[in-house]
Amino acid sequence: MTPAAELRVSPHGGGARFEVFAKPRASKSAIGGVREGALVVSLAAPPVDGAANEELVRLLSARLGVKRSAISIASGAHGRTKIVDVADLSPDVVLERLTASA
């Protein structure tokens, strides 16, 4: 894994956008670092009926300090690689909050 500072977060529609590599069916849900510019996230939920996506939104909303409704999966809802949008937070703030003790 690369250093957390290499997470790519870009501006998008008044908020921020970044890539996530999801690892469902993990022993616990946690942010695991950065790989090739994408945030690596382990998810305890299985990839069935959107459970892993719901867990991802829950984990990110808690880490970023925003409501769940501020986070959306722009693409990749059915795969491991996802594009996530966060409303009303600048890319710098998102980067700071995601990489703090990641």
PDB file of N, CA and C in Angstrom:
ATOM      1  N   MET A   1       0.836  -1.176   0.000  1.00  0.00           N
ATOM      2  CA  MET A   1       0.000   0.000   0.000  1.00  0.00           C
ATOM      3  C   MET A   1       0.882   1.240   0.000  1.00  0.00           C
ATOM      4  N   THR A   2       0.383   2.248  -0.625  1.00  0.00           N
ATOM      5  CA  THR A   2       1.133   3.491  -0.717  1.00  0.00           C
ATOM      6  C   THR A   2       0.776   4.404   0.443  1.00  0.00           C
ATOM      7  N   PRO A   3       1.554   5.440   0.681  1.00  0.00           N
ATOM      8  CA  PRO A   3       1.231   6.368   1.766  1.00  0.00           C
ATOM      9  C   PRO A   3      -0.136   7.011   1.563  1.00  0.00           C
ATOM     10  N   ALA A   4      -0.784   7.317   2.674  1.00  0.00           N
ATOM     11  CA  ALA A   4      -2.134   7.882   2.631  1.00  0.00           C
ATOM     12  C   ALA A   4      -2.182   9.189   1.862  1.00  0.00           C
ATOM     13  N   ALA A   5      -1.093   9.929   1.832  1.00  0.00           N
ATOM     14  CA  ALA A   5      -1.068  11.219   1.145  1.00  0.00           C
ATOM     15  C   ALA A   5      -1.312  11.063  -0.355  1.00  0.00           C
ATOM     16  N   GLU A   6      -1.214   9.854  -0.885  1.00  0.00           N
ATOM     17  CA  GLU A   6      -1.395   9.638  -2.315  1.00  0.00           C
ATOM     18  C   GLU A   6      -2.844   9.332  -2.702  1.00  0.00           C
ATOM     19  N   LEU A   7      -3.764   9.400  -1.754  1.00  0.00           N
ATOM     20  CA  LEU A   7      -5.174   9.227  -2.085  1.00  0.00           C
ATOM     21  C   LEU A   7      -5.592  10.360  -3.010  1.00  0.00           C
ATOM     22  N   ARG A   8      -6.199  10.008  -4.139  1.00  0.00           N
ATOM     23  CA  ARG A   8      -6.639  11.021  -5.103  1.00  0.00           C
ATOM     24  C   ARG A   8      -8.076  11.427  -4.794  1.00  0.00           C
ATOM     25  N   VAL A   9      -8.251  12.687  -4.424  1.00  0.00           N
ATOM     26  CA  VAL A   9      -9.579  13.247  -4.160  1.00  0.00           C
ATOM     27  C   VAL A   9      -9.721  14.466  -5.051  1.00  0.00           C
ATOM     28  N   SER A  10     -10.778  14.496  -5.853  1.00  0.00           N
ATOM     29  CA  SER A  10     -10.969  15.611  -6.782  1.00  0.00           C
ATOM     30  C   SER A  10     -12.272  16.350  -6.481  1.00  0.00           C
ATOM     31  N   PRO A  11     -12.352  17.621  -6.899  1.00  0.00           N
ATOM     32  CA  PRO A  11     -13.599  18.362  -6.712  1.00  0.00           C
ATOM     33  C   PRO A  11     -14.675  17.817  -7.651  1.00  0.00           C
ATOM     34  N   HIS A  12     -15.914  17.815  -7.168  1.00  0.00           N
ATOM     35  CA  HIS A  12     -17.014  17.339  -8.004  1.00  0.00           C
ATOM     36  C   HIS A  12     -18.332  17.908  -7.487  1.00  0.00           C
ATOM     37  N   GLY A  13     -18.961  18.752  -8.275  1.00  0.00           N
ATOM     38  CA  GLY A  13     -20.291  19.269  -7.964  1.00  0.00           C
ATOM     39  C   GLY A  13     -20.446  19.909  -6.594  1.00  0.00           C
ATOM     40  N   GLY A  14     -19.518  20.719  -6.178  1.00  0.00           N
ATOM     41  CA  GLY A  14     -19.607  21.371  -4.872  1.00  0.00           C
ATOM     42  C   GLY A  14     -19.150  20.498  -3.723  1.00  0.00           C
ATOM     43  N   GLY A  15     -18.631  19.335  -4.038  1.00  0.00           N
ATOM     44  CA  GLY A  15     -18.143  18.411  -3.016  1.00  0.00           C
ATOM     45  C   GLY A  15     -16.846  17.774  -3.471  1.00  0.00           C
ATOM     46  N   ALA A  16     -16.704  16.493  -3.195  1.00  0.00           N
ATOM     47  CA  ALA A  16     -15.478  15.778  -3.533  1.00  0.00           C
ATOM     48  C   ALA A  16     -15.811  14.396  -4.078  1.00  0.00           C
ATOM     49  N   ARG A  17     -14.868  13.846  -4.841  1.00  0.00           N
ATOM     50  CA  ARG A  17     -15.020  12.518  -5.437  1.00  0.00           C
ATOM     51  C   ARG A  17     -13.712  11.760  -5.263  1.00  0.00           C
ATOM     52  N   PHE A  18     -13.815  10.476  -4.931  1.00  0.00           N
ATOM     53  CA  PHE A  18     -12.624   9.641  -4.810  1.00  0.00           C
ATOM     54  C   PHE A  18     -12.984   8.190  -5.108  1.00  0.00           C
ATOM     55  N   GLU A  19     -11.958   7.393  -5.330  1.00  0.00           N
ATOM     56  CA  GLU A  19     -12.137   5.987  -5.665  1.00  0.00           C
ATOM     57  C   GLU A  19     -11.953   5.135  -4.418  1.00  0.00           C
ATOM     58  N   VAL A  20     -12.749   4.074  -4.328  1.00  0.00           N
ATOM     59  CA  VAL A  20     -12.673   3.132  -3.214  1.00  0.00           C
ATOM     60  C   VAL A  20     -12.495   1.732  -3.778  1.00  0.00           C
ATOM     61  N   PHE A  21     -11.607   0.962  -3.157  1.00  0.00           N
ATOM     62  CA  PHE A  21     -11.493  -0.462  -3.459  1.00  0.00           C
ATOM     63  C   PHE A  21     -12.065  -1.197  -2.256  1.00  0.00           C
ATOM     64  N   ALA A  22     -13.220  -1.836  -2.436  1.00  0.00           N
ATOM     65  CA  ALA A  22     -13.930  -2.494  -1.336  1.00  0.00           C
ATOM     66  C   ALA A  22     -13.533  -3.959  -1.226  1.00  0.00           C
ATOM     67  N   LYS A  23     -13.410  -4.415   0.023  1.00  0.00           N
ATOM     68  CA  LYS A  23     -13.103  -5.813   0.319  1.00  0.00           C
ATOM     69  C   LYS A  23     -14.205  -6.347   1.235  1.00  0.00           C
ATOM     70  N   PRO A  24     -15.296  -6.870   0.647  1.00  0.00           N
ATOM     71  CA  PRO A  24     -16.409  -7.358   1.462  1.00  0.00           C
ATOM     72  C   PRO A  24     -16.064  -8.651   2.202  1.00  0.00           C
ATOM     73  N   ARG A  25     -16.916  -8.985   3.177  1.00  0.00           N
ATOM     74  CA  ARG A  25     -16.786 -10.193   4.001  1.00  0.00           C
ATOM     75  C   ARG A  25     -15.492 -10.213   4.811  1.00  0.00           C
ATOM     76  N   ALA A  26     -15.051  -9.055   5.255  1.00  0.00           N
ATOM     77  CA  ALA A  26     -13.874  -8.972   6.122  1.00  0.00           C
ATOM     78  C   ALA A  26     -14.311  -9.272   7.560  1.00  0.00           C
ATOM     79  N   SER A  27     -13.346  -9.492   8.442  1.00  0.00           N
ATOM     80  CA  SER A  27     -13.688  -9.764   9.838  1.00  0.00           C
ATOM     81  C   SER A  27     -14.271  -8.538  10.526  1.00  0.00           C
ATOM     82  N   LYS A  28     -13.867  -7.335  10.085  1.00  0.00           N
ATOM     83  CA  LYS A  28     -14.447  -6.096  10.611  1.00  0.00           C
ATOM     84  C   LYS A  28     -14.358  -5.014   9.546  1.00  0.00           C
ATOM     85  N   SER A  29     -15.193  -4.011   9.679  1.00  0.00           N
ATOM     86  CA  SER A  29     -15.186  -2.892   8.733  1.00  0.00           C
ATOM     87  C   SER A  29     -14.153  -1.868   9.175  1.00  0.00           C
ATOM     88  N   ALA A  30     -13.272  -1.492   8.246  1.00  0.00           N
ATOM     89  CA  ALA A  30     -12.214  -0.533   8.573  1.00  0.00           C
ATOM     90  C   ALA A  30     -11.595   0.018   7.301  1.00  0.00           C
ATOM     91  N   ILE A  31     -11.024   1.214   7.428  1.00  0.00           N
ATOM     92  CA  ILE A  31     -10.260   1.799   6.330  1.00  0.00           C
ATOM     93  C   ILE A  31      -8.849   1.247   6.433  1.00  0.00           C
ATOM     94  N   GLY A  32      -8.358   0.691   5.317  1.00  0.00           N
ATOM     95  CA  GLY A  32      -7.094  -0.022   5.366  1.00  0.00           C
ATOM     96  C   GLY A  32      -5.920   0.662   4.718  1.00  0.00           C
ATOM     97  N   GLY A  33      -6.090   1.833   4.184  1.00  0.00           N
ATOM     98  CA  GLY A  33      -4.981   2.526   3.546  1.00  0.00           C
ATOM     99  C   GLY A  33      -5.322   2.916   2.125  1.00  0.00           C
ATOM    100  N   VAL A  34      -4.281   3.042   1.309  1.00  0.00           N
ATOM    101  CA  VAL A  34      -4.454   3.497  -0.067  1.00  0.00           C
ATOM    102  C   VAL A  34      -3.670   2.579  -0.993  1.00  0.00           C
ATOM    103  N   ARG A  35      -4.287   2.250  -2.119  1.00  0.00           N
ATOM    104  CA  ARG A  35      -3.601   1.455  -3.142  1.00  0.00           C
ATOM    105  C   ARG A  35      -3.897   2.078  -4.493  1.00  0.00           C
ATOM    106  N   GLU A  36      -2.851   2.460  -5.207  1.00  0.00           N
ATOM    107  CA  GLU A  36      -2.973   3.052  -6.541  1.00  0.00           C
ATOM    108  C   GLU A  36      -3.958   4.218  -6.558  1.00  0.00           C
ATOM    109  N   GLY A  37      -3.901   5.066  -5.539  1.00  0.00           N
ATOM    110  CA  GLY A  37      -4.739   6.254  -5.472  1.00  0.00           C
ATOM    111  C   GLY A  37      -6.137   6.034  -4.948  1.00  0.00           C
ATOM    112  N   ALA A  38      -6.505   4.773  -4.678  1.00  0.00           N
ATOM    113  CA  ALA A  38      -7.849   4.449  -4.191  1.00  0.00           C
ATOM    114  C   ALA A  38      -7.807   4.090  -2.711  1.00  0.00           C
ATOM    115  N   LEU A  39      -8.841   4.475  -1.993  1.00  0.00           N
ATOM    116  CA  LEU A  39      -8.979   4.142  -0.586  1.00  0.00           C
ATOM    117  C   LEU A  39      -9.371   2.674  -0.474  1.00  0.00           C
ATOM    118  N   VAL A  40      -8.632   1.896   0.296  1.00  0.00           N
ATOM    119  CA  VAL A  40      -8.940   0.485   0.500  1.00  0.00           C
ATOM    120  C   VAL A  40      -9.795   0.371   1.759  1.00  0.00           C
ATOM    121  N   VAL A  41     -10.976  -0.223   1.612  1.00  0.00           N
ATOM    122  CA  VAL A  41     -11.910  -0.334   2.729  1.00  0.00           C
ATOM    123  C   VAL A  41     -12.347  -1.786   2.881  1.00  0.00           C
ATOM    124  N   SER A  42     -12.117  -2.351   4.064  1.00  0.00           N
ATOM    125  CA  SER A  42     -12.607  -3.684   4.395  1.00  0.00           C
ATOM    126  C   SER A  42     -14.011  -3.538   4.961  1.00  0.00           C
ATOM    127  N   LEU A  43     -14.911  -4.399   4.511  1.00  0.00           N
ATOM    128  CA  LEU A  43     -16.309  -4.321   4.931  1.00  0.00           C
ATOM    129  C   LEU A  43     -16.761  -5.666   5.484  1.00  0.00           C
ATOM    130  N   ALA A  44     -17.319  -5.664   6.686  1.00  0.00           N
ATOM    131  CA  ALA A  44     -17.779  -6.902   7.303  1.00  0.00           C
ATOM    132  C   ALA A  44     -19.000  -7.473   6.576  1.00  0.00           C
ATOM    133  N   ALA A  45     -19.753  -6.631   5.934  1.00  0.00           N
ATOM    134  CA  ALA A  45     -20.979  -7.060   5.251  1.00  0.00           C
ATOM    135  C   ALA A  45     -20.653  -7.812   3.960  1.00  0.00           C
ATOM    136  N   PRO A  46     -21.506  -8.767   3.592  1.00  0.00           N
ATOM    137  CA  PRO A  46     -21.321  -9.473   2.322  1.00  0.00           C
ATOM    138  C   PRO A  46     -21.833  -8.628   1.158  1.00  0.00           C
ATOM    139  N   PRO A  47     -21.360  -8.920  -0.050  1.00  0.00           N
ATOM    140  CA  PRO A  47     -21.822  -8.163  -1.220  1.00  0.00           C
ATOM    141  C   PRO A  47     -23.156  -8.695  -1.747  1.00  0.00           C
ATOM    142  N   VAL A  48     -24.150  -8.728  -0.891  1.00  0.00           N
ATOM    143  CA  VAL A  48     -25.460  -9.278  -1.232  1.00  0.00           C
ATOM    144  C   VAL A  48     -26.531  -8.235  -0.930  1.00  0.00           C
ATOM    145  N   ASP A  49     -27.409  -8.000  -1.892  1.00  0.00           N
ATOM    146  CA  ASP A  49     -28.533  -7.066  -1.724  1.00  0.00           C
ATOM    147  C   ASP A  49     -28.103  -5.684  -1.248  1.00  0.00           C
ATOM    148  N   GLY A  50     -26.932  -5.238  -1.673  1.00  0.00           N
ATOM    149  CA  GLY A  50     -26.472  -3.895  -1.332  1.00  0.00           C
ATOM    150  C   GLY A  50     -25.948  -3.729   0.085  1.00  0.00           C
ATOM    151  N   ALA A  51     -25.798  -4.819   0.828  1.00  0.00           N
ATOM    152  CA  ALA A  51     -25.354  -4.728   2.225  1.00  0.00           C
ATOM    153  C   ALA A  51     -23.955  -4.133   2.340  1.00  0.00           C
ATOM    154  N   ALA A  52     -23.047  -4.532   1.458  1.00  0.00           N
ATOM    155  CA  ALA A  52     -21.682  -3.994   1.515  1.00  0.00           C
ATOM    156  C   ALA A  52     -21.673  -2.505   1.166  1.00  0.00           C
ATOM    157  N   ASN A  53     -22.479  -2.096   0.205  1.00  0.00           N
ATOM    158  CA  ASN A  53     -22.562  -0.671  -0.143  1.00  0.00           C
ATOM    159  C   ASN A  53     -23.123   0.142   1.021  1.00  0.00           C
ATOM    160  N   GLU A  54     -24.138  -0.382   1.690  1.00  0.00           N
ATOM    161  CA  GLU A  54     -24.701   0.304   2.857  1.00  0.00           C
ATOM    162  C   GLU A  54     -23.658   0.435   3.960  1.00  0.00           C
ATOM    163  N   GLU A  55     -22.891  -0.612   4.175  1.00  0.00           N
ATOM    164  CA  GLU A  55     -21.839  -0.576   5.194  1.00  0.00           C
ATOM    165  C   GLU A  55     -20.756   0.430   4.817  1.00  0.00           C
ATOM    166  N   LEU A  56     -20.412   0.505   3.541  1.00  0.00           N
ATOM    167  CA  LEU A  56     -19.424   1.481   3.075  1.00  0.00           C
ATOM    168  C   LEU A  56     -19.902   2.904   3.350  1.00  0.00           C
ATOM    169  N   VAL A  57     -21.145   3.199   3.021  1.00  0.00           N
ATOM    170  CA  VAL A  57     -21.699   4.538   3.255  1.00  0.00           C
ATOM    171  C   VAL A  57     -21.712   4.847   4.753  1.00  0.00           C
ATOM    172  N   ARG A  58     -22.094   3.881   5.576  1.00  0.00           N
ATOM    173  CA  ARG A  58     -22.114   4.074   7.023  1.00  0.00           C
ATOM    174  C   ARG A  58     -20.719   4.379   7.560  1.00  0.00           C
ATOM    175  N   LEU A  59     -19.734   3.599   7.135  1.00  0.00           N
ATOM    176  CA  LEU A  59     -18.356   3.781   7.596  1.00  0.00           C
ATOM    177  C   LEU A  59     -17.795   5.130   7.154  1.00  0.00           C
ATOM    178  N   LEU A  60     -18.007   5.481   5.894  1.00  0.00           N
ATOM    179  CA  LEU A  60     -17.492   6.757   5.391  1.00  0.00           C
ATOM    180  C   LEU A  60     -18.189   7.947   6.045  1.00  0.00           C
ATOM    181  N   SER A  61     -19.494   7.847   6.275  1.00  0.00           N
ATOM    182  CA  SER A  61     -20.196   8.971   6.906  1.00  0.00           C
ATOM    183  C   SER A  61     -19.685   9.195   8.324  1.00  0.00           C
ATOM    184  N   ALA A  62     -19.411   8.122   9.036  1.00  0.00           N
ATOM    185  CA  ALA A  62     -18.873   8.256  10.395  1.00  0.00           C
ATOM    186  C   ALA A  62     -17.475   8.863  10.365  1.00  0.00           C
ATOM    187  N   ARG A  63     -16.639   8.408   9.452  1.00  0.00           N
ATOM    188  CA  ARG A  63     -15.259   8.897   9.369  1.00  0.00           C
ATOM    189  C   ARG A  63     -15.195  10.355   8.916  1.00  0.00           C
ATOM    190  N   LEU A  64     -16.077  10.721   7.994  1.00  0.00           N
ATOM    191  CA  LEU A  64     -16.060  12.078   7.451  1.00  0.00           C
ATOM    192  C   LEU A  64     -16.892  13.060   8.274  1.00  0.00           C
ATOM    193  N   GLY A  65     -17.717  12.551   9.178  1.00  0.00           N
ATOM    194  CA  GLY A  65     -18.540  13.426   9.997  1.00  0.00           C
ATOM    195  C   GLY A  65     -19.675  14.076   9.232  1.00  0.00           C
ATOM    196  N   VAL A  66     -20.255  13.336   8.292  1.00  0.00           N
ATOM    197  CA  VAL A  66     -21.381  13.843   7.507  1.00  0.00           C
ATOM    198  C   VAL A  66     -22.544  12.855   7.595  1.00  0.00           C
ATOM    199  N   LYS A  67     -23.736  13.311   7.206  1.00  0.00           N
ATOM    200  CA  LYS A  67     -24.896  12.424   7.164  1.00  0.00           C
ATOM    201  C   LYS A  67     -24.709  11.405   6.046  1.00  0.00           C
ATOM    202  N   ARG A  68     -25.345  10.261   6.201  1.00  0.00           N
ATOM    203  CA  ARG A  68     -25.269   9.230   5.159  1.00  0.00           C
ATOM    204  C   ARG A  68     -25.774   9.748   3.823  1.00  0.00           C
ATOM    205  N   SER A  69     -26.753  10.639   3.861  1.00  0.00           N
ATOM    206  CA  SER A  69     -27.324  11.168   2.621  1.00  0.00           C
ATOM    207  C   SER A  69     -26.331  12.034   1.845  1.00  0.00           C
ATOM    208  N   ALA A  70     -25.249  12.460   2.477  1.00  0.00           N
ATOM    209  CA  ALA A  70     -24.231  13.275   1.804  1.00  0.00           C
ATOM    210  C   ALA A  70     -23.260  12.421   1.000  1.00  0.00           C
ATOM    211  N   ILE A  71     -23.351  11.104   1.149  1.00  0.00           N
ATOM    212  CA  ILE A  71     -22.434  10.196   0.459  1.00  0.00           C
ATOM    213  C   ILE A  71     -23.215   9.370  -0.547  1.00  0.00           C
ATOM    214  N   SER A  72     -22.690   9.295  -1.767  1.00  0.00           N
ATOM    215  CA  SER A  72     -23.334   8.473  -2.789  1.00  0.00           C
ATOM    216  C   SER A  72     -22.280   7.720  -3.583  1.00  0.00           C
ATOM    217  N   ILE A  73     -22.672   6.552  -4.057  1.00  0.00           N
ATOM    218  CA  ILE A  73     -21.797   5.749  -4.903  1.00  0.00           C
ATOM    219  C   ILE A  73     -22.159   6.098  -6.338  1.00  0.00           C
ATOM    220  N   ALA A  74     -21.263   6.847  -6.995  1.00  0.00           N
ATOM    221  CA  ALA A  74     -21.522   7.339  -8.349  1.00  0.00           C
ATOM    222  C   ALA A  74     -21.410   6.230  -9.385  1.00  0.00           C
ATOM    223  N   SER A  75     -20.491   5.299  -9.167  1.00  0.00           N
ATOM    224  CA  SER A  75     -20.359   4.158 -10.072  1.00  0.00           C
ATOM    225  C   SER A  75     -19.699   3.011  -9.328  1.00  0.00           C
ATOM    226  N   GLY A  76     -19.918   1.817  -9.833  1.00  0.00           N
ATOM    227  CA  GLY A  76     -19.302   0.639  -9.243  1.00  0.00           C
ATOM    228  C   GLY A  76     -20.113  -0.008  -8.142  1.00  0.00           C
ATOM    229  N   ALA A  77     -21.402   0.247  -8.097  1.00  0.00           N
ATOM    230  CA  ALA A  77     -22.238  -0.311  -7.032  1.00  0.00           C
ATOM    231  C   ALA A  77     -22.230  -1.838  -7.023  1.00  0.00           C
ATOM    232  N   HIS A  78     -21.923  -2.456  -8.159  1.00  0.00           N
ATOM    233  CA  HIS A  78     -21.929  -3.915  -8.243  1.00  0.00           C
ATOM    234  C   HIS A  78     -20.533  -4.501  -8.367  1.00  0.00           C
ATOM    235  N   GLY A  79     -19.506  -3.711  -8.094  1.00  0.00           N
ATOM    236  CA  GLY A  79     -18.139  -4.202  -8.182  1.00  0.00           C
ATOM    237  C   GLY A  79     -17.331  -3.777  -6.977  1.00  0.00           C
ATOM    238  N   ARG A  80     -16.083  -4.182  -6.946  1.00  0.00           N
ATOM    239  CA  ARG A  80     -15.210  -3.819  -5.824  1.00  0.00           C
ATOM    240  C   ARG A  80     -14.662  -2.406  -5.955  1.00  0.00           C
ATOM    241  N   THR A  81     -14.447  -1.944  -7.178  1.00  0.00           N
ATOM    242  CA  THR A  81     -13.932  -0.600  -7.394  1.00  0.00           C
ATOM    243  C   THR A  81     -15.111   0.346  -7.573  1.00  0.00           C
ATOM    244  N   LYS A  82     -15.174   1.361  -6.717  1.00  0.00           N
ATOM    245  CA  LYS A  82     -16.309   2.278  -6.695  1.00  0.00           C
ATOM    246  C   LYS A  82     -15.827   3.715  -6.756  1.00  0.00           C
ATOM    247  N   ILE A  83     -16.646   4.582  -7.312  1.00  0.00           N
ATOM    248  CA  ILE A  83     -16.411   6.023  -7.281  1.00  0.00           C
ATOM    249  C   ILE A  83     -17.424   6.586  -6.291  1.00  0.00           C
ATOM    250  N   VAL A  84     -16.914   7.289  -5.278  1.00  0.00           N
ATOM    251  CA  VAL A  84     -17.763   7.817  -4.210  1.00  0.00           C
ATOM    252  C   VAL A  84     -17.767   9.338  -4.263  1.00  0.00           C
ATOM    253  N   ASP A  85     -18.956   9.921  -4.163  1.00  0.00           N
ATOM    254  CA  ASP A  85     -19.122  11.373  -4.091  1.00  0.00           C
ATOM    255  C   ASP A  85     -19.520  11.761  -2.678  1.00  0.00           C
ATOM    256  N   VAL A  86     -18.938  12.857  -2.195  1.00  0.00           N
ATOM    257  CA  VAL A  86     -19.286  13.412  -0.884  1.00  0.00           C
ATOM    258  C   VAL A  86     -19.739  14.848  -1.107  1.00  0.00           C
ATOM    259  N   ALA A  87     -20.960  15.149  -0.709  1.00  0.00           N
ATOM    260  CA  ALA A  87     -21.509  16.494  -0.889  1.00  0.00           C
ATOM    261  C   ALA A  87     -21.027  17.432   0.212  1.00  0.00           C
ATOM    262  N   ASP A  88     -20.819  18.676  -0.161  1.00  0.00           N
ATOM    263  CA  ASP A  88     -20.571  19.769   0.782  1.00  0.00           C
ATOM    264  C   ASP A  88     -19.265  19.705   1.567  1.00  0.00           C
ATOM    265  N   LEU A  89     -18.325  18.879   1.164  1.00  0.00           N
ATOM    266  CA  LEU A  89     -16.989  18.893   1.769  1.00  0.00           C
ATOM    267  C   LEU A  89     -15.973  19.090   0.653  1.00  0.00           C
ATOM    268  N   SER A  90     -14.993  19.932   0.898  1.00  0.00           N
ATOM    269  CA  SER A  90     -13.957  20.156  -0.107  1.00  0.00           C
ATOM    270  C   SER A  90     -13.044  18.935  -0.184  1.00  0.00           C
ATOM    271  N   PRO A  91     -12.364  18.755  -1.313  1.00  0.00           N
ATOM    272  CA  PRO A  91     -11.421  17.647  -1.429  1.00  0.00           C
ATOM    273  C   PRO A  91     -10.354  17.661  -0.332  1.00  0.00           C
ATOM    274  N   ASP A  92      -9.883  18.842   0.052  1.00  0.00           N
ATOM    275  CA  ASP A  92      -8.864  18.931   1.103  1.00  0.00           C
ATOM    276  C   ASP A  92      -9.383  18.408   2.437  1.00  0.00           C
ATOM    277  N   VAL A  93     -10.617  18.751   2.776  1.00  0.00           N
ATOM    278  CA  VAL A  93     -11.207  18.288   4.039  1.00  0.00           C
ATOM    279  C   VAL A  93     -11.423  16.778   3.996  1.00  0.00           C
ATOM    280  N   VAL A  94     -11.917  16.264   2.880  1.00  0.00           N
ATOM    281  CA  VAL A  94     -12.122  14.823   2.733  1.00  0.00           C
ATOM    282  C   VAL A  94     -10.793  14.096   2.885  1.00  0.00           C
ATOM    283  N   LEU A  95      -9.777  14.568   2.208  1.00  0.00           N
ATOM    284  CA  LEU A  95      -8.458  13.943   2.289  1.00  0.00           C
ATOM    285  C   LEU A  95      -7.943  13.952   3.725  1.00  0.00           C
ATOM    286  N   GLU A  96      -8.073  15.071   4.391  1.00  0.00           N
ATOM    287  CA  GLU A  96      -7.597  15.187   5.773  1.00  0.00           C
ATOM    288  C   GLU A  96      -8.321  14.210   6.699  1.00  0.00           C
ATOM    289  N   ARG A  97      -9.631  14.128   6.575  1.00  0.00           N
ATOM    290  CA  ARG A  97     -10.413  13.263   7.466  1.00  0.00           C
ATOM    291  C   ARG A  97     -10.216  11.783   7.173  1.00  0.00           C
ATOM    292  N   LEU A  98     -10.045  11.432   5.904  1.00  0.00           N
ATOM    293  CA  LEU A  98      -9.854  10.021   5.564  1.00  0.00           C
ATOM    294  C   LEU A  98      -8.463   9.523   5.916  1.00  0.00           C
ATOM    295  N   THR A  99      -7.482  10.392   5.844  1.00  0.00           N
ATOM    296  CA  THR A  99      -6.107   9.951   6.084  1.00  0.00           C
ATOM    297  C   THR A  99      -5.659  10.149   7.530  1.00  0.00           C
ATOM    298  N   ALA A 100      -6.465  10.804   8.342  1.00  0.00           N
ATOM    299  CA  ALA A 100      -6.120  10.972   9.757  1.00  0.00           C
ATOM    300  C   ALA A 100      -6.155   9.606  10.431  1.00  0.00           C
ATOM    301  N   SER A 101      -5.014   9.165  10.882  1.00  0.00           N
ATOM    302  CA  SER A 101      -4.837   7.864  11.546  1.00  0.00           C
ATOM    303  C   SER A 101      -5.423   6.706  10.746  1.00  0.00           C
ATOM    304  N   ALA A 102      -5.273   6.768   9.419  1.00  0.00           N
ATOM    305  CA  ALA A 102      -5.759   5.671   8.569  1.00  0.00           C
ATOM    306  C   ALA A 102      -4.738   4.565   8.519  1.00  0.00           C
TER     307      ALA A 102
END
